[in-house]
Amino acid sequence: MMPIAVDLAVLVRQVGAYRINDRALRAQLDSLQGRLERNEIPSERELAAFLREARRYFEGLEREARAHLKDLDRRLDDLFQQQYNLQAERGVAQRRLAGAGETLGLVNRAERGTQ
């Protein structure tokens, strides 16, 4: 077996913790899990195939997750900007309401004084 810098059982467990729909990786994973359960050592070819499939799958997963996070961050930035703009608009509306109320109060006092 080719030397590997991590405990193969740990790596297999880590990969197996994901819901893997990829047929090639699932086949390699199932094969290695079976070998490990039977205390058999996988061949260099089997190990290389598993590592290749795991790399391909998880590089794609990582790429998708990064793109998703980038999209979410952009959408959150847009949302925060919209919230900021709405707060500013609300402040303007409150000042208009207060100004209109004061003006109406003066109008009421003026009307009472003219009657």
N, C-alpha and C. Protein backbone atom coordinates (compact mmCIF):
# COMPACT_ATOMS: atom_id res chain seq x y z
N MET A 1 0.85 -1.18 0.00
CA MET A 1 0.00 0.00 0.00
C MET A 1 0.89 1.24 0.00
N MET A 2 0.49 2.25 -0.76
CA MET A 2 1.25 3.50 -0.81
C MET A 2 1.15 4.22 0.53
N PRO A 3 2.20 4.91 0.94
CA PRO A 3 2.15 5.63 2.22
C PRO A 3 1.13 6.77 2.14
N ILE A 4 0.43 6.97 3.21
CA ILE A 4 -0.58 8.03 3.28
C ILE A 4 -0.35 8.77 4.59
N ALA A 5 -0.42 10.11 4.54
CA ALA A 5 -0.05 10.94 5.69
C ALA A 5 -1.17 11.08 6.72
N VAL A 6 -2.32 10.46 6.47
CA VAL A 6 -3.42 10.52 7.44
C VAL A 6 -3.92 9.11 7.70
N ASP A 7 -4.62 8.94 8.78
CA ASP A 7 -5.23 7.65 9.09
C ASP A 7 -6.33 7.41 8.07
N LEU A 8 -6.21 6.35 7.29
CA LEU A 8 -7.17 6.06 6.24
C LEU A 8 -8.58 5.90 6.79
N ALA A 9 -8.70 5.27 7.94
CA ALA A 9 -10.03 5.08 8.54
C ALA A 9 -10.68 6.43 8.87
N VAL A 10 -9.87 7.38 9.33
CA VAL A 10 -10.40 8.72 9.64
C VAL A 10 -10.87 9.40 8.36
N LEU A 11 -10.07 9.30 7.31
CA LEU A 11 -10.43 9.91 6.03
C LEU A 11 -11.70 9.28 5.47
N VAL A 12 -11.77 7.96 5.51
CA VAL A 12 -12.96 7.26 5.00
C VAL A 12 -14.19 7.66 5.82
N ARG A 13 -14.04 7.76 7.12
CA ARG A 13 -15.15 8.18 7.98
C ARG A 13 -15.58 9.61 7.66
N GLN A 14 -14.61 10.48 7.44
CA GLN A 14 -14.90 11.89 7.11
C GLN A 14 -15.67 11.98 5.80
N VAL A 15 -15.21 11.28 4.79
CA VAL A 15 -15.90 11.29 3.50
C VAL A 15 -17.28 10.65 3.64
N GLY A 16 -17.35 9.56 4.40
CA GLY A 16 -18.62 8.86 4.59
C GLY A 16 -19.65 9.65 5.37
N ALA A 17 -19.22 10.69 6.07
CA ALA A 17 -20.16 11.52 6.83
C ALA A 17 -21.03 12.38 5.91
N TYR A 18 -20.61 12.53 4.66
CA TYR A 18 -21.37 13.30 3.68
C TYR A 18 -22.35 12.39 2.96
N ARG A 19 -23.42 12.99 2.48
CA ARG A 19 -24.39 12.25 1.67
C ARG A 19 -23.85 12.27 0.24
N ILE A 20 -23.19 11.21 -0.14
CA ILE A 20 -22.51 11.14 -1.44
C ILE A 20 -23.44 10.51 -2.47
N ASN A 21 -23.78 11.27 -3.51
CA ASN A 21 -24.60 10.75 -4.61
C ASN A 21 -23.75 10.41 -5.83
N ASP A 22 -22.51 10.87 -5.83
CA ASP A 22 -21.60 10.62 -6.94
C ASP A 22 -21.28 9.13 -7.00
N ARG A 23 -21.62 8.49 -8.10
CA ARG A 23 -21.47 7.03 -8.20
C ARG A 23 -20.04 6.55 -8.06
N ALA A 24 -19.13 7.25 -8.72
CA ALA A 24 -17.72 6.82 -8.69
C ALA A 24 -17.17 6.90 -7.27
N LEU A 25 -17.40 8.01 -6.60
CA LEU A 25 -16.90 8.15 -5.24
C LEU A 25 -17.62 7.20 -4.30
N ARG A 26 -18.93 7.05 -4.47
CA ARG A 26 -19.69 6.14 -3.60
C ARG A 26 -19.15 4.72 -3.73
N ALA A 27 -18.84 4.28 -4.95
CA ALA A 27 -18.31 2.93 -5.16
C ALA A 27 -16.95 2.78 -4.48
N GLN A 28 -16.08 3.77 -4.65
CA GLN A 28 -14.75 3.71 -4.02
C GLN A 28 -14.89 3.72 -2.50
N LEU A 29 -15.77 4.55 -1.99
CA LEU A 29 -15.98 4.66 -0.55
C LEU A 29 -16.51 3.35 0.02
N ASP A 30 -17.52 2.79 -0.62
CA ASP A 30 -18.09 1.52 -0.15
C ASP A 30 -17.05 0.41 -0.15
N SER A 31 -16.24 0.38 -1.21
CA SER A 31 -15.19 -0.64 -1.30
C SER A 31 -14.18 -0.50 -0.16
N LEU A 32 -13.73 0.73 0.08
CA LEU A 32 -12.75 0.95 1.16
C LEU A 32 -13.36 0.69 2.53
N GLN A 33 -14.60 1.10 2.74
CA GLN A 33 -15.25 0.83 4.02
C GLN A 33 -15.33 -0.67 4.27
N GLY A 34 -15.67 -1.42 3.25
CA GLY A 34 -15.73 -2.88 3.38
C GLY A 34 -14.38 -3.47 3.71
N ARG A 35 -13.35 -3.00 3.03
CA ARG A 35 -11.99 -3.51 3.29
C ARG A 35 -11.57 -3.18 4.72
N LEU A 36 -11.84 -1.97 5.16
CA LEU A 36 -11.45 -1.59 6.52
C LEU A 36 -12.22 -2.39 7.57
N GLU A 37 -13.49 -2.65 7.31
CA GLU A 37 -14.28 -3.45 8.25
C GLU A 37 -13.74 -4.88 8.36
N ARG A 38 -13.19 -5.38 7.23
CA ARG A 38 -12.62 -6.74 7.23
C ARG A 38 -11.14 -6.74 7.59
N ASN A 39 -10.63 -5.57 8.00
CA ASN A 39 -9.20 -5.41 8.33
C ASN A 39 -8.29 -5.79 7.18
N GLU A 40 -8.73 -5.49 5.97
CA GLU A 40 -7.91 -5.74 4.78
C GLU A 40 -7.25 -4.43 4.35
N ILE A 41 -6.09 -4.55 3.76
CA ILE A 41 -5.36 -3.37 3.29
C ILE A 41 -5.70 -3.16 1.82
N PRO A 42 -6.16 -1.96 1.46
CA PRO A 42 -6.48 -1.71 0.05
C PRO A 42 -5.20 -1.63 -0.78
N SER A 43 -5.33 -1.95 -2.06
CA SER A 43 -4.17 -1.86 -2.95
C SER A 43 -3.86 -0.39 -3.23
N GLU A 44 -2.65 -0.16 -3.75
CA GLU A 44 -2.27 1.22 -4.10
C GLU A 44 -3.22 1.77 -5.15
N ARG A 45 -3.62 0.92 -6.07
CA ARG A 45 -4.54 1.33 -7.13
C ARG A 45 -5.89 1.75 -6.55
N GLU A 46 -6.42 0.96 -5.62
CA GLU A 46 -7.70 1.29 -4.99
C GLU A 46 -7.60 2.60 -4.20
N LEU A 47 -6.53 2.73 -3.47
CA LEU A 47 -6.34 3.93 -2.66
C LEU A 47 -6.19 5.16 -3.55
N ALA A 48 -5.41 5.04 -4.63
CA ALA A 48 -5.23 6.16 -5.55
C ALA A 48 -6.56 6.55 -6.20
N ALA A 49 -7.37 5.55 -6.57
CA ALA A 49 -8.67 5.83 -7.18
C ALA A 49 -9.59 6.54 -6.19
N PHE A 50 -9.58 6.09 -4.94
CA PHE A 50 -10.41 6.73 -3.91
C PHE A 50 -9.98 8.18 -3.70
N LEU A 51 -8.68 8.40 -3.57
CA LEU A 51 -8.17 9.75 -3.35
C LEU A 51 -8.49 10.67 -4.53
N ARG A 52 -8.37 10.14 -5.75
CA ARG A 52 -8.68 10.92 -6.95
C ARG A 52 -10.16 11.32 -6.96
N GLU A 53 -11.04 10.35 -6.69
CA GLU A 53 -12.48 10.63 -6.69
C GLU A 53 -12.86 11.58 -5.55
N ALA A 54 -12.25 11.39 -4.38
CA ALA A 54 -12.54 12.27 -3.25
C ALA A 54 -12.10 13.69 -3.56
N ARG A 55 -10.92 13.83 -4.17
CA ARG A 55 -10.43 15.17 -4.53
C ARG A 55 -11.37 15.82 -5.53
N ARG A 56 -11.74 15.09 -6.57
CA ARG A 56 -12.63 15.64 -7.60
C ARG A 56 -13.96 16.08 -6.99
N TYR A 57 -14.54 15.24 -6.15
CA TYR A 57 -15.84 15.53 -5.55
C TYR A 57 -15.76 16.73 -4.60
N PHE A 58 -14.78 16.72 -3.72
CA PHE A 58 -14.72 17.78 -2.70
C PHE A 58 -14.18 19.10 -3.25
N GLU A 59 -13.38 19.05 -4.32
CA GLU A 59 -13.01 20.31 -4.96
C GLU A 59 -14.24 20.97 -5.57
N GLY A 60 -15.11 20.17 -6.19
CA GLY A 60 -16.36 20.70 -6.74
C GLY A 60 -17.26 21.23 -5.64
N LEU A 61 -17.35 20.47 -4.55
CA LEU A 61 -18.18 20.89 -3.41
C LEU A 61 -17.66 22.21 -2.83
N GLU A 62 -16.35 22.31 -2.70
CA GLU A 62 -15.74 23.53 -2.17
C GLU A 62 -16.01 24.72 -3.10
N ARG A 63 -15.87 24.49 -4.41
CA ARG A 63 -16.12 25.54 -5.39
C ARG A 63 -17.57 26.03 -5.30
N GLU A 64 -18.51 25.08 -5.22
CA GLU A 64 -19.93 25.44 -5.11
C GLU A 64 -20.21 26.20 -3.81
N ALA A 65 -19.62 25.75 -2.72
CA ALA A 65 -19.84 26.41 -1.42
C ALA A 65 -19.28 27.83 -1.43
N ARG A 66 -18.10 28.01 -2.03
CA ARG A 66 -17.52 29.36 -2.12
C ARG A 66 -18.41 30.28 -2.96
N ALA A 67 -18.91 29.76 -4.09
CA ALA A 67 -19.78 30.57 -4.95
C ALA A 67 -21.08 30.91 -4.22
N HIS A 68 -21.61 29.95 -3.47
CA HIS A 68 -22.84 30.18 -2.72
C HIS A 68 -22.62 31.26 -1.65
N LEU A 69 -21.51 31.15 -0.92
CA LEU A 69 -21.20 32.17 0.09
C LEU A 69 -21.01 33.55 -0.53
N LYS A 70 -20.35 33.59 -1.67
CA LYS A 70 -20.14 34.87 -2.35
C LYS A 70 -21.48 35.48 -2.74
N ASP A 71 -22.38 34.64 -3.27
CA ASP A 71 -23.71 35.12 -3.64
C ASP A 71 -24.49 35.59 -2.41
N LEU A 72 -24.42 34.82 -1.33
CA LEU A 72 -25.12 35.21 -0.10
C LEU A 72 -24.57 36.52 0.47
N ASP A 73 -23.25 36.66 0.45
CA ASP A 73 -22.64 37.90 0.94
C ASP A 73 -23.09 39.10 0.11
N ARG A 74 -23.15 38.92 -1.21
CA ARG A 74 -23.61 40.00 -2.09
C ARG A 74 -25.06 40.35 -1.78
N ARG A 75 -25.89 39.32 -1.62
CA ARG A 75 -27.30 39.56 -1.32
C ARG A 75 -27.48 40.22 0.05
N LEU A 76 -26.67 39.81 1.02
CA LEU A 76 -26.74 40.45 2.35
C LEU A 76 -26.31 41.91 2.27
N ASP A 77 -25.26 42.19 1.49
CA ASP A 77 -24.84 43.58 1.30
C ASP A 77 -25.97 44.41 0.71
N ASP A 78 -26.65 43.85 -0.30
CA ASP A 78 -27.78 44.54 -0.91
C ASP A 78 -28.89 44.78 0.12
N LEU A 79 -29.15 43.76 0.92
CA LEU A 79 -30.20 43.86 1.93
C LEU A 79 -29.84 44.90 2.99
N PHE A 80 -28.58 44.90 3.44
CA PHE A 80 -28.15 45.89 4.43
C PHE A 80 -28.27 47.31 3.86
N GLN A 81 -27.89 47.47 2.58
CA GLN A 81 -28.01 48.79 1.94
C GLN A 81 -29.47 49.20 1.86
N GLN A 82 -30.32 48.26 1.50
CA GLN A 82 -31.76 48.55 1.43
C GLN A 82 -32.30 48.93 2.81
N GLN A 83 -31.87 48.21 3.84
CA GLN A 83 -32.31 48.51 5.21
C GLN A 83 -31.83 49.91 5.62
N TYR A 84 -30.59 50.22 5.30
CA TYR A 84 -30.04 51.55 5.62
C TYR A 84 -30.87 52.64 4.92
N ASN A 85 -31.16 52.42 3.64
CA ASN A 85 -31.93 53.40 2.88
C ASN A 85 -33.34 53.55 3.45
N LEU A 86 -33.96 52.44 3.84
CA LEU A 86 -35.31 52.51 4.41
C LEU A 86 -35.30 53.22 5.76
N GLN A 87 -34.26 53.00 6.56
CA GLN A 87 -34.15 53.70 7.85
C GLN A 87 -34.03 55.21 7.62
N ALA A 88 -33.23 55.59 6.63
CA ALA A 88 -33.08 57.02 6.33
C ALA A 88 -34.41 57.59 5.84
N GLU A 89 -35.08 56.85 4.98
CA GLU A 89 -36.38 57.29 4.46
C GLU A 89 -37.40 57.41 5.60
N ARG A 90 -37.34 56.49 6.53
CA ARG A 90 -38.25 56.53 7.69
C ARG A 90 -37.98 57.77 8.53
N GLY A 91 -36.71 58.10 8.71
CA GLY A 91 -36.35 59.30 9.46
C GLY A 91 -36.92 60.56 8.81
N VAL A 92 -36.84 60.62 7.48
CA VAL A 92 -37.40 61.76 6.75
C VAL A 92 -38.92 61.81 6.96
N ALA A 93 -39.58 60.66 6.86
CA ALA A 93 -41.04 60.62 7.04
C ALA A 93 -41.42 61.04 8.46
N GLN A 94 -40.62 60.63 9.45
CA GLN A 94 -40.91 61.03 10.84
C GLN A 94 -40.78 62.55 11.00
N ARG A 95 -39.73 63.13 10.40
CA ARG A 95 -39.55 64.58 10.49
C ARG A 95 -40.69 65.31 9.78
N ARG A 96 -41.14 64.79 8.65
CA ARG A 96 -42.27 65.40 7.94
C ARG A 96 -43.54 65.32 8.79
N LEU A 97 -43.75 64.16 9.43
CA LEU A 97 -44.92 63.99 10.30
C LEU A 97 -44.87 64.97 11.46
N ALA A 98 -43.70 65.08 12.09
CA ALA A 98 -43.56 66.00 13.22
C ALA A 98 -43.78 67.45 12.76
N GLY A 99 -43.21 67.80 11.61
CA GLY A 99 -43.37 69.16 11.08
C GLY A 99 -44.82 69.45 10.74
N ALA A 100 -45.49 68.48 10.12
CA ALA A 100 -46.90 68.67 9.78
C ALA A 100 -47.73 68.81 11.05
N GLY A 101 -47.42 68.01 12.07
CA GLY A 101 -48.15 68.10 13.34
C GLY A 101 -47.98 69.46 13.99
N GLU A 102 -46.74 69.97 14.00
CA GLU A 102 -46.48 71.30 14.57
C GLU A 102 -47.24 72.37 13.79
N THR A 103 -47.19 72.27 12.47
CA THR A 103 -47.87 73.25 11.63
C THR A 103 -49.38 73.21 11.86
N LEU A 104 -49.94 72.02 11.93
CA LEU A 104 -51.37 71.90 12.20
C LEU A 104 -51.72 72.46 13.57
N GLY A 105 -50.85 72.25 14.55
CA GLY A 105 -51.06 72.82 15.88
C GLY A 105 -51.13 74.34 15.82
N LEU A 106 -50.21 74.94 15.06
CA LEU A 106 -50.22 76.39 14.90
C LEU A 106 -51.47 76.85 14.15
N VAL A 107 -51.86 76.10 13.13
CA VAL A 107 -53.08 76.44 12.38
C VAL A 107 -54.28 76.39 13.31
N ASN A 108 -54.36 75.36 14.15
CA ASN A 108 -55.48 75.23 15.10
C ASN A 108 -55.51 76.42 16.06
N ARG A 109 -54.34 76.79 16.58
CA ARG A 109 -54.29 77.93 17.52
C ARG A 109 -54.69 79.21 16.82
N ALA A 110 -54.24 79.35 15.57
CA ALA A 110 -54.59 80.56 14.81
C ALA A 110 -56.09 80.62 14.55
N GLU A 111 -56.66 79.46 14.22
CA GLU A 111 -58.10 79.43 13.95
C GLU A 111 -58.90 79.76 15.21
N ARG A 112 -58.46 79.27 16.35
CA ARG A 112 -59.15 79.57 17.61
C ARG A 112 -59.05 81.06 17.94
N GLY A 113 -57.96 81.63 17.60
CA GLY A 113 -57.76 83.05 17.90
C GLY A 113 -58.57 83.94 16.99
N THR A 114 -58.94 83.47 15.83
CA THR A 114 -59.70 84.29 14.89
C THR A 114 -61.21 84.12 15.07
N GLN A 115 -61.61 83.24 15.92
CA GLN A 115 -63.05 83.00 16.10
C GLN A 115 -63.61 83.80 17.21
